């Protein structure tokens, strides 16, 4: 998507848990007393990076997967955990690569629509 904005997300837990974390509300780091505000949402694409995978995910797919109770991994971030295996059910297309050091369940979910990278990600 030429000219599209993207947001880069790094998280070592993505590959282990098989979940992406889509943040929808935030506070300044170290300021949990602040009121919640919307996270910057101008990005049309999100790039999720872990040691064993890299996924390019359209925002439309994240919005479709953001259901249920919000998840708060810390006092300044609120969002949704979205199982990688459910991404194929939403609109849009996921692209990316994954290495061999992933749990079997995560590999099976990704194998349906991604090509594995021979070796590991650099």
PDB file of N, CA and C in Angstrom:
ATOM      1  N   UNK A   1       0.838  -1.176   0.000  1.00  0.00           N
ATOM      2  CA  UNK A   1       0.000   0.000   0.000  1.00  0.00           C
ATOM      3  C   UNK A   1       0.883   1.239   0.000  1.00  0.00           C
ATOM      4  N   UNK A   2       1.129   1.763  -1.139  1.00  0.00           N
ATOM      5  CA  UNK A   2       1.998   2.917  -1.279  1.00  0.00           C
ATOM      6  C   UNK A   2       1.386   4.141  -0.586  1.00  0.00           C
ATOM      7  N   UNK A   3       2.194   4.822   0.211  1.00  0.00           N
ATOM      8  CA  UNK A   3       1.752   6.017   0.904  1.00  0.00           C
ATOM      9  C   UNK A   3       0.981   5.763   2.186  1.00  0.00           C
ATOM     10  N   UNK A   4       0.832   4.500   2.580  1.00  0.00           N
ATOM     11  CA  UNK A   4       0.107   4.178   3.808  1.00  0.00           C
ATOM     12  C   UNK A   4       0.982   4.416   5.028  1.00  0.00           C
ATOM     13  N   UNK A   5       0.359   4.825   6.113  1.00  0.00           N
ATOM     14  CA  UNK A   5       1.088   4.960   7.367  1.00  0.00           C
ATOM     15  C   UNK A   5       1.088   3.615   8.076  1.00  0.00           C
ATOM     16  N   UNK A   6       2.144   3.361   8.865  1.00  0.00           N
ATOM     17  CA  UNK A   6       2.203   2.118   9.611  1.00  0.00           C
ATOM     18  C   UNK A   6       2.719   2.384  11.014  1.00  0.00           C
ATOM     19  N   UNK A   7       2.419   1.455  11.905  1.00  0.00           N
ATOM     20  CA  UNK A   7       2.911   1.516  13.269  1.00  0.00           C
ATOM     21  C   UNK A   7       3.647   0.215  13.538  1.00  0.00           C
ATOM     22  N   UNK A   8       4.854   0.327  14.080  1.00  0.00           N
ATOM     23  CA  UNK A   8       5.694  -0.824  14.372  1.00  0.00           C
ATOM     24  C   UNK A   8       5.490  -1.236  15.822  1.00  0.00           C
ATOM     25  N   UNK A   9       5.191  -2.514  16.044  1.00  0.00           N
ATOM     26  CA  UNK A   9       4.983  -3.057  17.390  1.00  0.00           C
ATOM     27  C   UNK A   9       5.964  -4.197  17.606  1.00  0.00           C
ATOM     28  N   UNK A  10       6.758  -4.115  18.656  1.00  0.00           N
ATOM     29  CA  UNK A  10       7.660  -5.213  18.985  1.00  0.00           C
ATOM     30  C   UNK A  10       7.225  -5.833  20.306  1.00  0.00           C
ATOM     31  N   UNK A  11       7.250  -7.148  20.363  1.00  0.00           N
ATOM     32  CA  UNK A  11       6.827  -7.855  21.560  1.00  0.00           C
ATOM     33  C   UNK A  11       7.335  -9.289  21.481  1.00  0.00           C
ATOM     34  N   UNK A  12       8.168  -9.678  22.433  1.00  0.00           N
ATOM     35  CA  UNK A  12       8.707 -11.032  22.403  1.00  0.00           C
ATOM     36  C   UNK A  12       7.650 -12.081  22.728  1.00  0.00           C
ATOM     37  N   UNK A  13       6.526 -11.679  23.311  1.00  0.00           N
ATOM     38  CA  UNK A  13       5.474 -12.620  23.691  1.00  0.00           C
ATOM     39  C   UNK A  13       4.560 -13.007  22.522  1.00  0.00           C
ATOM     40  N   UNK A  14       4.593 -12.263  21.433  1.00  0.00           N
ATOM     41  CA  UNK A  14       3.701 -12.543  20.300  1.00  0.00           C
ATOM     42  C   UNK A  14       3.854 -13.989  19.834  1.00  0.00           C
ATOM     43  N   UNK A  15       5.069 -14.382  19.554  1.00  0.00           N
ATOM     44  CA  UNK A  15       5.303 -15.721  19.019  1.00  0.00           C
ATOM     45  C   UNK A  15       4.969 -16.800  20.045  1.00  0.00           C
ATOM     46  N   UNK A  16       5.308 -16.565  21.308  1.00  0.00           N
ATOM     47  CA  UNK A  16       5.073 -17.574  22.346  1.00  0.00           C
ATOM     48  C   UNK A  16       3.589 -17.777  22.622  1.00  0.00           C
ATOM     49  N   UNK A  17       2.844 -16.685  22.709  1.00  0.00           N
ATOM     50  CA  UNK A  17       1.427 -16.782  23.072  1.00  0.00           C
ATOM     51  C   UNK A  17       0.508 -16.963  21.873  1.00  0.00           C
ATOM     52  N   UNK A  18       0.952 -16.573  20.692  1.00  0.00           N
ATOM     53  CA  UNK A  18       0.092 -16.642  19.510  1.00  0.00           C
ATOM     54  C   UNK A  18      -0.926 -15.518  19.462  1.00  0.00           C
ATOM     55  N   UNK A  19      -0.719 -14.451  20.253  1.00  0.00           N
ATOM     56  CA  UNK A  19      -1.626 -13.315  20.301  1.00  0.00           C
ATOM     57  C   UNK A  19      -0.929 -12.022  19.910  1.00  0.00           C
ATOM     58  N   UNK A  20      -1.653 -11.160  19.219  1.00  0.00           N
ATOM     59  CA  UNK A  20      -1.193  -9.802  18.952  1.00  0.00           C
ATOM     60  C   UNK A  20      -1.856  -8.893  19.978  1.00  0.00           C
ATOM     61  N   UNK A  21      -1.158  -7.844  20.404  1.00  0.00           N
ATOM     62  CA  UNK A  21      -1.756  -6.882  21.323  1.00  0.00           C
ATOM     63  C   UNK A  21      -2.038  -5.605  20.544  1.00  0.00           C
ATOM     64  N   UNK A  22      -3.313  -5.251  20.435  1.00  0.00           N
ATOM     65  CA  UNK A  22      -3.753  -4.050  19.730  1.00  0.00           C
ATOM     66  C   UNK A  22      -4.168  -3.023  20.773  1.00  0.00           C
ATOM     67  N   UNK A  23      -3.357  -1.993  20.951  1.00  0.00           N
ATOM     68  CA  UNK A  23      -3.625  -0.959  21.945  1.00  0.00           C
ATOM     69  C   UNK A  23      -4.644   0.036  21.419  1.00  0.00           C
ATOM     70  N   UNK A  24      -5.660   0.345  22.232  1.00  0.00           N
ATOM     71  CA  UNK A  24      -6.686   1.308  21.827  1.00  0.00           C
ATOM     72  C   UNK A  24      -6.725   2.532  22.727  1.00  0.00           C
ATOM     73  N   UNK A  25      -6.241   2.406  23.971  1.00  0.00           N
ATOM     74  CA  UNK A  25      -6.184   3.542  24.884  1.00  0.00           C
ATOM     75  C   UNK A  25      -4.832   3.553  25.583  1.00  0.00           C
ATOM     76  N   UNK A  26      -4.390   4.762  25.972  1.00  0.00           N
ATOM     77  CA  UNK A  26      -3.086   4.868  26.608  1.00  0.00           C
ATOM     78  C   UNK A  26      -3.034   6.045  27.572  1.00  0.00           C
ATOM     79  N   UNK A  27      -1.984   6.042  28.374  1.00  0.00           N
ATOM     80  CA  UNK A  27      -1.625   7.150  29.255  1.00  0.00           C
ATOM     81  C   UNK A  27      -0.124   7.341  29.093  1.00  0.00           C
ATOM     82  N   UNK A  28       0.391   8.481  29.501  1.00  0.00           N
ATOM     83  CA  UNK A  28       1.839   8.680  29.460  1.00  0.00           C
ATOM     84  C   UNK A  28       2.509   7.673  30.385  1.00  0.00           C
ATOM     85  N   UNK A  29       3.653   7.139  29.969  1.00  0.00           N
ATOM     86  CA  UNK A  29       4.401   6.188  30.796  1.00  0.00           C
ATOM     87  C   UNK A  29       4.694   6.817  32.150  1.00  0.00           C
ATOM     88  N   UNK A  30       4.454   6.069  33.210  1.00  0.00           N
ATOM     89  CA  UNK A  30       4.723   6.553  34.546  1.00  0.00           C
ATOM     90  C   UNK A  30       3.678   7.501  35.107  1.00  0.00           C
ATOM     91  N   UNK A  31       2.556   7.674  34.402  1.00  0.00           N
ATOM     92  CA  UNK A  31       1.493   8.595  34.844  1.00  0.00           C
ATOM     93  C   UNK A  31       0.139   7.886  34.878  1.00  0.00           C
ATOM     94  N   UNK A  32      -0.014   6.834  35.701  1.00  0.00           N
ATOM     95  CA  UNK A  32      -1.278   6.092  35.718  1.00  0.00           C
ATOM     96  C   UNK A  32      -2.468   6.893  36.243  1.00  0.00           C
ATOM     97  N   UNK A  33      -2.222   8.035  36.878  1.00  0.00           N
ATOM     98  CA  UNK A  33      -3.323   8.855  37.392  1.00  0.00           C
ATOM     99  C   UNK A  33      -4.030   9.640  36.289  1.00  0.00           C
ATOM    100  N   UNK A  34      -3.441   9.741  35.124  1.00  0.00           N
ATOM    101  CA  UNK A  34      -4.053  10.470  34.006  1.00  0.00           C
ATOM    102  C   UNK A  34      -5.320   9.766  33.519  1.00  0.00           C
ATOM    103  N   UNK A  35      -6.213  10.526  32.909  1.00  0.00           N
ATOM    104  CA  UNK A  35      -7.375   9.861  32.285  1.00  0.00           C
ATOM    105  C   UNK A  35      -6.932   9.120  31.016  1.00  0.00           C
ATOM    106  N   UNK A  36      -7.675   8.090  30.657  1.00  0.00           N
ATOM    107  CA  UNK A  36      -7.380   7.344  29.428  1.00  0.00           C
ATOM    108  C   UNK A  36      -7.636   8.226  28.213  1.00  0.00           C
ATOM    109  N   UNK A  37      -6.833   8.057  27.176  1.00  0.00           N
ATOM    110  CA  UNK A  37      -7.052   8.738  25.895  1.00  0.00           C
ATOM    111  C   UNK A  37      -6.842   7.699  24.785  1.00  0.00           C
ATOM    112  N   UNK A  38      -7.426   7.993  23.634  1.00  0.00           N
ATOM    113  CA  UNK A  38      -7.278   7.077  22.484  1.00  0.00           C
ATOM    114  C   UNK A  38      -5.827   7.023  22.060  1.00  0.00           C
ATOM    115  N   UNK A  39      -5.375   5.832  21.734  1.00  0.00           N
ATOM    116  CA  UNK A  39      -4.033   5.679  21.183  1.00  0.00           C
ATOM    117  C   UNK A  39      -4.024   6.260  19.783  1.00  0.00           C
ATOM    118  N   UNK A  40      -2.878   6.755  19.351  1.00  0.00           N
ATOM    119  CA  UNK A  40      -2.825   7.261  17.977  1.00  0.00           C
ATOM    120  C   UNK A  40      -3.267   6.163  17.011  1.00  0.00           C
ATOM    121  N   UNK A  41      -4.281   6.444  16.230  1.00  0.00           N
ATOM    122  CA  UNK A  41      -4.835   5.421  15.357  1.00  0.00           C
ATOM    123  C   UNK A  41      -4.796   5.778  13.888  1.00  0.00           C
ATOM    124  N   UNK A  42      -3.857   6.620  13.493  1.00  0.00           N
ATOM    125  CA  UNK A  42      -3.791   7.041  12.097  1.00  0.00           C
ATOM    126  C   UNK A  42      -3.179   5.981  11.195  1.00  0.00           C
ATOM    127  N   UNK A  43      -2.506   4.997  11.783  1.00  0.00           N
ATOM    128  CA  UNK A  43      -1.843   3.975  10.974  1.00  0.00           C
ATOM    129  C   UNK A  43      -2.866   3.084  10.275  1.00  0.00           C
ATOM    130  N   UNK A  44      -2.606   2.778   9.030  1.00  0.00           N
ATOM    131  CA  UNK A  44      -3.472   1.875   8.276  1.00  0.00           C
ATOM    132  C   UNK A  44      -2.937   0.442   8.316  1.00  0.00           C
ATOM    133  N   UNK A  45      -1.643   0.318   8.620  1.00  0.00           N
ATOM    134  CA  UNK A  45      -0.993  -0.989   8.693  1.00  0.00           C
ATOM    135  C   UNK A  45      -0.203  -1.078   9.992  1.00  0.00           C
ATOM    136  N   UNK A  46      -0.163  -2.258  10.569  1.00  0.00           N
ATOM    137  CA  UNK A  46       0.632  -2.508  11.769  1.00  0.00           C
ATOM    138  C   UNK A  46       1.642  -3.595  11.442  1.00  0.00           C
ATOM    139  N   UNK A  47       2.869  -3.408  11.897  1.00  0.00           N
ATOM    140  CA  UNK A  47       3.905  -4.416  11.716  1.00  0.00           C
ATOM    141  C   UNK A  47       4.247  -4.940  13.106  1.00  0.00           C
ATOM    142  N   UNK A  48       3.948  -6.203  13.342  1.00  0.00           N
ATOM    143  CA  UNK A  48       4.235  -6.851  14.608  1.00  0.00           C
ATOM    144  C   UNK A  48       5.512  -7.668  14.453  1.00  0.00           C
ATOM    145  N   UNK A  49       6.480  -7.434  15.339  1.00  0.00           N
ATOM    146  CA  UNK A  49       7.772  -8.105  15.240  1.00  0.00           C
ATOM    147  C   UNK A  49       8.101  -8.787  16.559  1.00  0.00           C
ATOM    148  N   UNK A  50       8.536 -10.025  16.440  1.00  0.00           N
ATOM    149  CA  UNK A  50       9.023 -10.807  17.559  1.00  0.00           C
ATOM    150  C   UNK A  50      10.324 -11.450  17.095  1.00  0.00           C
ATOM    151  N   UNK A  51      10.953 -12.225  17.953  1.00  0.00           N
ATOM    152  CA  UNK A  51      12.200 -12.870  17.527  1.00  0.00           C
ATOM    153  C   UNK A  51      11.957 -13.922  16.465  1.00  0.00           C
ATOM    154  N   UNK A  52      10.753 -14.474  16.397  1.00  0.00           N
ATOM    155  CA  UNK A  52      10.483 -15.556  15.460  1.00  0.00           C
ATOM    156  C   UNK A  52       9.468 -15.232  14.377  1.00  0.00           C
ATOM    157  N   UNK A  53       8.955 -14.001  14.371  1.00  0.00           N
ATOM    158  CA  UNK A  53       8.008 -13.688  13.314  1.00  0.00           C
ATOM    159  C   UNK A  53       7.932 -12.187  13.053  1.00  0.00           C
ATOM    160  N   UNK A  54       7.440 -11.859  11.881  1.00  0.00           N
ATOM    161  CA  UNK A  54       7.145 -10.476  11.487  1.00  0.00           C
ATOM    162  C   UNK A  54       5.857 -10.525  10.681  1.00  0.00           C
ATOM    163  N   UNK A  55       4.852  -9.769  11.133  1.00  0.00           N
ATOM    164  CA  UNK A  55       3.557  -9.777  10.454  1.00  0.00           C
ATOM    165  C   UNK A  55       3.147  -8.365  10.083  1.00  0.00           C
ATOM    166  N   UNK A  56       2.679  -8.202   8.873  1.00  0.00           N
ATOM    167  CA  UNK A  56       2.107  -6.944   8.405  1.00  0.00           C
ATOM    168  C   UNK A  56       0.591  -7.154   8.403  1.00  0.00           C
ATOM    169  N   UNK A  57      -0.117  -6.395   9.247  1.00  0.00           N
ATOM    170  CA  UNK A  57      -1.547  -6.610   9.437  1.00  0.00           C
ATOM    171  C   UNK A  57      -2.302  -5.306   9.175  1.00  0.00           C
ATOM    172  N   UNK A  58      -3.287  -5.312   8.263  1.00  0.00           N
ATOM    173  CA  UNK A  58      -4.108  -4.115   8.047  1.00  0.00           C
ATOM    174  C   UNK A  58      -4.931  -3.788   9.293  1.00  0.00           C
ATOM    175  N   UNK A  59      -5.120  -2.507   9.549  1.00  0.00           N
ATOM    176  CA  UNK A  59      -5.896  -2.063  10.707  1.00  0.00           C
ATOM    177  C   UNK A  59      -7.308  -2.645  10.687  1.00  0.00           C
ATOM    178  N   UNK A  60      -7.881  -2.824   9.502  1.00  0.00           N
ATOM    179  CA  UNK A  60      -9.235  -3.367   9.415  1.00  0.00           C
ATOM    180  C   UNK A  60      -9.333  -4.744  10.068  1.00  0.00           C
ATOM    181  N   UNK A  61      -8.280  -5.551   9.943  1.00  0.00           N
ATOM    182  CA  UNK A  61      -8.284  -6.877  10.555  1.00  0.00           C
ATOM    183  C   UNK A  61      -8.181  -6.779  12.069  1.00  0.00           C
ATOM    184  N   UNK A  62      -7.420  -5.805  12.561  1.00  0.00           N
ATOM    185  CA  UNK A  62      -7.306  -5.626  14.011  1.00  0.00           C
ATOM    186  C   UNK A  62      -8.627  -5.145  14.593  1.00  0.00           C
ATOM    187  N   UNK A  63      -9.285  -4.231  13.889  1.00  0.00           N
ATOM    188  CA  UNK A  63     -10.582  -3.741  14.363  1.00  0.00           C
ATOM    189  C   UNK A  63     -11.605  -4.872  14.420  1.00  0.00           C
ATOM    190  N   UNK A  64     -11.564  -5.746  13.428  1.00  0.00           N
ATOM    191  CA  UNK A  64     -12.494  -6.872  13.394  1.00  0.00           C
ATOM    192  C   UNK A  64     -12.213  -7.844  14.541  1.00  0.00           C
ATOM    193  N   UNK A  65     -10.951  -7.955  14.946  1.00  0.00           N
ATOM    194  CA  UNK A  65     -10.579  -8.882  16.014  1.00  0.00           C
ATOM    195  C   UNK A  65     -10.666  -8.295  17.408  1.00  0.00           C
ATOM    196  N   UNK A  66     -10.829  -6.984  17.522  1.00  0.00           N
ATOM    197  CA  UNK A  66     -10.860  -6.321  18.834  1.00  0.00           C
ATOM    198  C   UNK A  66     -12.252  -6.440  19.446  1.00  0.00           C
ATOM    199  N   UNK A  67     -12.476  -7.560  20.114  1.00  0.00           N
ATOM    200  CA  UNK A  67     -13.778  -7.829  20.715  1.00  0.00           C
ATOM    201  C   UNK A  67     -13.569  -8.280  22.157  1.00  0.00           C
ATOM    202  N   UNK A  68     -14.603  -8.211  22.936  1.00  0.00           N
ATOM    203  CA  UNK A  68     -14.531  -8.711  24.298  1.00  0.00           C
ATOM    204  C   UNK A  68     -14.028  -7.679  25.287  1.00  0.00           C
ATOM    205  N   UNK A  69     -13.485  -8.172  26.377  1.00  0.00           N
ATOM    206  CA  UNK A  69     -13.024  -7.330  27.472  1.00  0.00           C
ATOM    207  C   UNK A  69     -11.631  -6.785  27.163  1.00  0.00           C
ATOM    208  N   UNK A  70     -11.433  -5.482  27.332  1.00  0.00           N
ATOM    209  CA  UNK A  70     -10.087  -4.929  27.104  1.00  0.00           C
ATOM    210  C   UNK A  70      -9.060  -5.570  28.041  1.00  0.00           C
ATOM    211  N   UNK A  71      -7.842  -5.665  27.561  1.00  0.00           N
ATOM    212  CA  UNK A  71      -6.721  -6.239  28.305  1.00  0.00           C
ATOM    213  C   UNK A  71      -5.794  -5.098  28.699  1.00  0.00           C
ATOM    214  N   UNK A  72      -5.352  -5.066  29.953  1.00  0.00           N
ATOM    215  CA  UNK A  72      -4.438  -4.030  30.437  1.00  0.00           C
ATOM    216  C   UNK A  72      -3.133  -4.674  30.888  1.00  0.00           C
ATOM    217  N   UNK A  73      -2.122  -4.695  30.005  1.00  0.00           N
ATOM    218  CA  UNK A  73      -0.856  -5.321  30.375  1.00  0.00           C
ATOM    219  C   UNK A  73      -0.065  -4.511  31.412  1.00  0.00           C
ATOM    220  N   UNK A  74      -0.385  -3.228  31.533  1.00  0.00           N
ATOM    221  CA  UNK A  74       0.254  -2.364  32.520  1.00  0.00           C
ATOM    222  C   UNK A  74      -0.698  -1.195  32.799  1.00  0.00           C
ATOM    223  N   UNK A  75      -0.396  -0.354  33.813  1.00  0.00           N
ATOM    224  CA  UNK A  75      -1.332   0.721  34.190  1.00  0.00           C
ATOM    225  C   UNK A  75      -1.488   1.845  33.160  1.00  0.00           C
ATOM    226  N   UNK A  76      -0.699   1.836  32.074  1.00  0.00           N
ATOM    227  CA  UNK A  76      -0.786   2.927  31.099  1.00  0.00           C
ATOM    228  C   UNK A  76      -1.155   2.459  29.693  1.00  0.00           C
ATOM    229  N   UNK A  77      -1.619   1.229  29.557  1.00  0.00           N
ATOM    230  CA  UNK A  77      -1.971   0.702  28.236  1.00  0.00           C
ATOM    231  C   UNK A  77      -3.201  -0.192  28.350  1.00  0.00           C
ATOM    232  N   UNK A  78      -4.133  -0.002  27.424  1.00  0.00           N
ATOM    233  CA  UNK A  78      -5.360  -0.807  27.384  1.00  0.00           C
ATOM    234  C   UNK A  78      -5.639  -1.156  25.929  1.00  0.00           C
ATOM    235  N   UNK A  79      -5.959  -2.392  25.701  1.00  0.00           N
ATOM    236  CA  UNK A  79      -6.234  -2.820  24.330  1.00  0.00           C
ATOM    237  C   UNK A  79      -6.854  -4.200  24.315  1.00  0.00           C
ATOM    238  N   UNK A  80      -6.598  -4.936  23.239  1.00  0.00           N
ATOM    239  CA  UNK A  80      -7.175  -6.259  23.061  1.00  0.00           C
ATOM    240  C   UNK A  80      -6.095  -7.247  22.650  1.00  0.00           C
ATOM    241  N   UNK A  81      -6.186  -8.458  23.185  1.00  0.00           N
ATOM    242  CA  UNK A  81      -5.355  -9.554  22.701  1.00  0.00           C
ATOM    243  C   UNK A  81      -6.126 -10.223  21.574  1.00  0.00           C
ATOM    244  N   UNK A  82      -5.495 -10.336  20.427  1.00  0.00           N
ATOM    245  CA  UNK A  82      -6.146 -10.929  19.262  1.00  0.00           C
ATOM    246  C   UNK A  82      -5.361 -12.173  18.857  1.00  0.00           C
ATOM    247  N   UNK A  83      -5.974 -13.348  18.958  1.00  0.00           N
ATOM    248  CA  UNK A  83      -5.274 -14.568  18.558  1.00  0.00           C
ATOM    249  C   UNK A  83      -4.905 -14.519  17.072  1.00  0.00           C
ATOM    250  N   UNK A  84      -3.662 -14.847  16.769  1.00  0.00           N
ATOM    251  CA  UNK A  84      -3.199 -14.860  15.382  1.00  0.00           C
ATOM    252  C   UNK A  84      -4.088 -15.761  14.532  1.00  0.00           C
ATOM    253  N   UNK A  85      -4.528 -16.882  15.101  1.00  0.00           N
ATOM    254  CA  UNK A  85      -5.329 -17.845  14.335  1.00  0.00           C
ATOM    255  C   UNK A  85      -6.663 -17.271  13.873  1.00  0.00           C
ATOM    256  N   UNK A  86      -7.136 -16.180  14.490  1.00  0.00           N
ATOM    257  CA  UNK A  86      -8.420 -15.590  14.087  1.00  0.00           C
ATOM    258  C   UNK A  86      -8.268 -14.512  13.020  1.00  0.00           C
ATOM    259  N   UNK A  87      -7.053 -14.091  12.717  1.00  0.00           N
ATOM    260  CA  UNK A  87      -6.859 -13.015  11.746  1.00  0.00           C
ATOM    261  C   UNK A  87      -7.392 -13.362  10.370  1.00  0.00           C
ATOM    262  N   UNK A  88      -7.273 -14.613   9.961  1.00  0.00           N
ATOM    263  CA  UNK A  88      -7.734 -14.999   8.635  1.00  0.00           C
ATOM    264  C   UNK A  88      -9.245 -14.883   8.485  1.00  0.00           C
ATOM    265  N   UNK A  89      -9.953 -14.760   9.602  1.00  0.00           N
ATOM    266  CA  UNK A  89     -11.403 -14.651   9.541  1.00  0.00           C
ATOM    267  C   UNK A  89     -11.863 -13.219   9.277  1.00  0.00           C
ATOM    268  N   UNK A  90     -10.975 -12.249   9.407  1.00  0.00           N
ATOM    269  CA  UNK A  90     -11.348 -10.854   9.233  1.00  0.00           C
ATOM    270  C   UNK A  90     -11.096 -10.367   7.820  1.00  0.00           C
ATOM    271  N   UNK A  91     -11.478  -9.110   7.552  1.00  0.00           N
ATOM    272  CA  UNK A  91     -11.227  -8.530   6.227  1.00  0.00           C
ATOM    273  C   UNK A  91      -9.751  -8.179   6.054  1.00  0.00           C
ATOM    274  N   UNK A  92      -9.274  -8.181   4.847  1.00  0.00           N
ATOM    275  CA  UNK A  92      -7.892  -7.800   4.579  1.00  0.00           C
ATOM    276  C   UNK A  92      -6.997  -9.006   4.407  1.00  0.00           C
ATOM    277  N   UNK A  93      -5.710  -8.761   4.407  1.00  0.00           N
ATOM    278  CA  UNK A  93      -4.745  -9.820   4.174  1.00  0.00           C
ATOM    279  C   UNK A  93      -3.530  -9.616   5.058  1.00  0.00           C
ATOM    280  N   UNK A  94      -3.093 -10.663   5.719  1.00  0.00           N
ATOM    281  CA  UNK A  94      -1.893 -10.633   6.548  1.00  0.00           C
ATOM    282  C   UNK A  94      -0.736 -11.121   5.701  1.00  0.00           C
ATOM    283  N   UNK A  95       0.383 -10.452   5.779  1.00  0.00           N
ATOM    284  CA  UNK A  95       1.591 -10.926   5.115  1.00  0.00           C
ATOM    285  C   UNK A  95       2.711 -10.943   6.133  1.00  0.00           C
ATOM    286  N   UNK A  96       3.728 -11.717   5.866  1.00  0.00           N
ATOM    287  CA  UNK A  96       4.856 -11.760   6.780  1.00  0.00           C
ATOM    288  C   UNK A  96       5.588 -13.071   6.699  1.00  0.00           C
ATOM    289  N   UNK A  97       6.442 -13.283   7.671  1.00  0.00           N
ATOM    290  CA  UNK A  97       7.268 -14.478   7.740  1.00  0.00           C
ATOM    291  C   UNK A  97       7.312 -14.967   9.171  1.00  0.00           C
ATOM    292  N   UNK A  98       7.555 -16.263   9.326  1.00  0.00           N
ATOM    293  CA  UNK A  98       7.793 -16.790  10.655  1.00  0.00           C
ATOM    294  C   UNK A  98       8.925 -17.799  10.588  1.00  0.00           C
ATOM    295  N   UNK A  99       9.669 -17.882  11.671  1.00  0.00           N
ATOM    296  CA  UNK A  99      10.783 -18.815  11.761  1.00  0.00           C
ATOM    297  C   UNK A  99      10.333 -20.147  12.342  1.00  0.00           C
ATOM    298  N   UNK A 100      11.286 -21.004  12.589  1.00  0.00           N
ATOM    299  CA  UNK A 100      10.977 -22.349  13.049  1.00  0.00           C
ATOM    300  C   UNK A 100      10.797 -22.456  14.563  1.00  0.00           C
ATOM    301  N   UNK A 101      11.201 -21.462  15.315  1.00  0.00           N
ATOM    302  CA  UNK A 101      11.151 -21.549  16.772  1.00  0.00           C
ATOM    303  C   UNK A 101       9.845 -20.976  17.320  1.00  0.00           C
ATOM    304  N   UNK A 102       8.741 -21.537  16.879  1.00  0.00           N
ATOM    305  CA  UNK A 102       7.416 -21.124  17.340  1.00  0.00           C
ATOM    306  C   UNK A 102       6.693 -22.324  17.921  1.00  0.00           C
ATOM    307  N   UNK A 103       5.769 -22.102  18.840  1.00  0.00           N
ATOM    308  CA  UNK A 103       4.940 -23.215  19.305  1.00  0.00           C
ATOM    309  C   UNK A 103       4.136 -23.805  18.141  1.00  0.00           C
ATOM    310  N   UNK A 104       3.879 -25.099  18.182  1.00  0.00           N
ATOM    311  CA  UNK A 104       3.183 -25.811  17.105  1.00  0.00           C
ATOM    312  C   UNK A 104       1.854 -25.146  16.741  1.00  0.00           C
ATOM    313  N   UNK A 105       1.078 -24.766  17.742  1.00  0.00           N
ATOM    314  CA  UNK A 105      -0.241 -24.169  17.490  1.00  0.00           C
ATOM    315  C   UNK A 105      -0.129 -22.852  16.715  1.00  0.00           C
ATOM    316  N   UNK A 106       0.847 -22.027  17.065  1.00  0.00           N
ATOM    317  CA  UNK A 106       1.057 -20.765  16.357  1.00  0.00           C
ATOM    318  C   UNK A 106       1.515 -21.032  14.931  1.00  0.00           C
ATOM    319  N   UNK A 107       2.424 -22.000  14.759  1.00  0.00           N
ATOM    320  CA  UNK A 107       2.882 -22.364  13.410  1.00  0.00           C
ATOM    321  C   UNK A 107       1.723 -22.823  12.539  1.00  0.00           C
ATOM    322  N   UNK A 108       0.854 -23.647  13.088  1.00  0.00           N
ATOM    323  CA  UNK A 108      -0.289 -24.159  12.319  1.00  0.00           C
ATOM    324  C   UNK A 108      -1.205 -23.024  11.883  1.00  0.00           C
ATOM    325  N   UNK A 109      -1.428 -22.059  12.767  1.00  0.00           N
ATOM    326  CA  UNK A 109      -2.281 -20.918  12.415  1.00  0.00           C
ATOM    327  C   UNK A 109      -1.646 -20.091  11.310  1.00  0.00           C
ATOM    328  N   UNK A 110      -0.356 -19.857  11.400  1.00  0.00           N
ATOM    329  CA  UNK A 110       0.332 -19.041  10.401  1.00  0.00           C
ATOM    330  C   UNK A 110       0.513 -19.767   9.077  1.00  0.00           C
ATOM    331  N   UNK A 111       0.701 -21.075   9.128  1.00  0.00           N
ATOM    332  CA  UNK A 111       0.959 -21.851   7.911  1.00  0.00           C
ATOM    333  C   UNK A 111      -0.189 -21.776   6.922  1.00  0.00           C
ATOM    334  N   UNK A 112      -1.394 -21.443   7.394  1.00  0.00           N
ATOM    335  CA  UNK A 112      -2.551 -21.372   6.500  1.00  0.00           C
ATOM    336  C   UNK A 112      -2.430 -20.230   5.499  1.00  0.00           C
ATOM    337  N   UNK A 113      -1.685 -19.185   5.852  1.00  0.00           N
ATOM    338  CA  UNK A 113      -1.626 -18.046   4.929  1.00  0.00           C
ATOM    339  C   UNK A 113      -0.280 -17.346   4.854  1.00  0.00           C
ATOM    340  N   UNK A 114       0.744 -17.899   5.499  1.00  0.00           N
ATOM    341  CA  UNK A 114       2.080 -17.312   5.396  1.00  0.00           C
ATOM    342  C   UNK A 114       3.093 -18.367   5.025  1.00  0.00           C
ATOM    343  N   UNK A 115       4.135 -17.951   4.330  1.00  0.00           N
ATOM    344  CA  UNK A 115       5.232 -18.836   4.002  1.00  0.00           C
ATOM    345  C   UNK A 115       6.280 -18.740   5.094  1.00  0.00           C
ATOM    346  N   UNK A 116       6.764 -19.880   5.598  1.00  0.00           N
ATOM    347  CA  UNK A 116       7.811 -19.803   6.610  1.00  0.00           C
ATOM    348  C   UNK A 116       9.125 -19.338   5.997  1.00  0.00           C
ATOM    349  N   UNK A 117       9.896 -18.630   6.779  1.00  0.00           N
ATOM    350  CA  UNK A 117      11.217 -18.182   6.359  1.00  0.00           C
ATOM    351  C   UNK A 117      12.174 -19.329   6.609  1.00  0.00           C
ATOM    352  N   UNK A 118      13.004 -19.647   5.657  1.00  0.00           N
ATOM    353  CA  UNK A 118      13.978 -20.709   5.852  1.00  0.00           C
ATOM    354  C   UNK A 118      15.056 -20.178   6.788  1.00  0.00           C
ATOM    355  N   UNK A 119      15.223 -20.812   7.915  1.00  0.00           N
ATOM    356  CA  UNK A 119      16.167 -20.329   8.923  1.00  0.00           C
ATOM    357  C   UNK A 119      15.430 -19.492   9.926  1.00  0.00           C
ATOM    358  N   UNK A 120      16.048 -18.416  10.353  1.00  0.00           N
ATOM    359  CA  UNK A 120      15.401 -17.548  11.338  1.00  0.00           C
ATOM    360  C   UNK A 120      15.457 -16.111  10.859  1.00  0.00           C
ATOM    361  N   UNK A 121      14.636 -15.278  11.464  1.00  0.00           N
ATOM    362  CA  UNK A 121      14.621 -13.865  11.104  1.00  0.00           C
ATOM    363  C   UNK A 121      15.901 -13.206  11.549  1.00  0.00           C
ATOM    364  N   UNK A 122      16.375 -12.288  10.757  1.00  0.00           N
ATOM    365  CA  UNK A 122      17.624 -11.581  11.082  1.00  0.00           C
ATOM    366  C   UNK A 122      17.273 -10.260  11.722  1.00  0.00           C
TER     367      UNK A 122
END
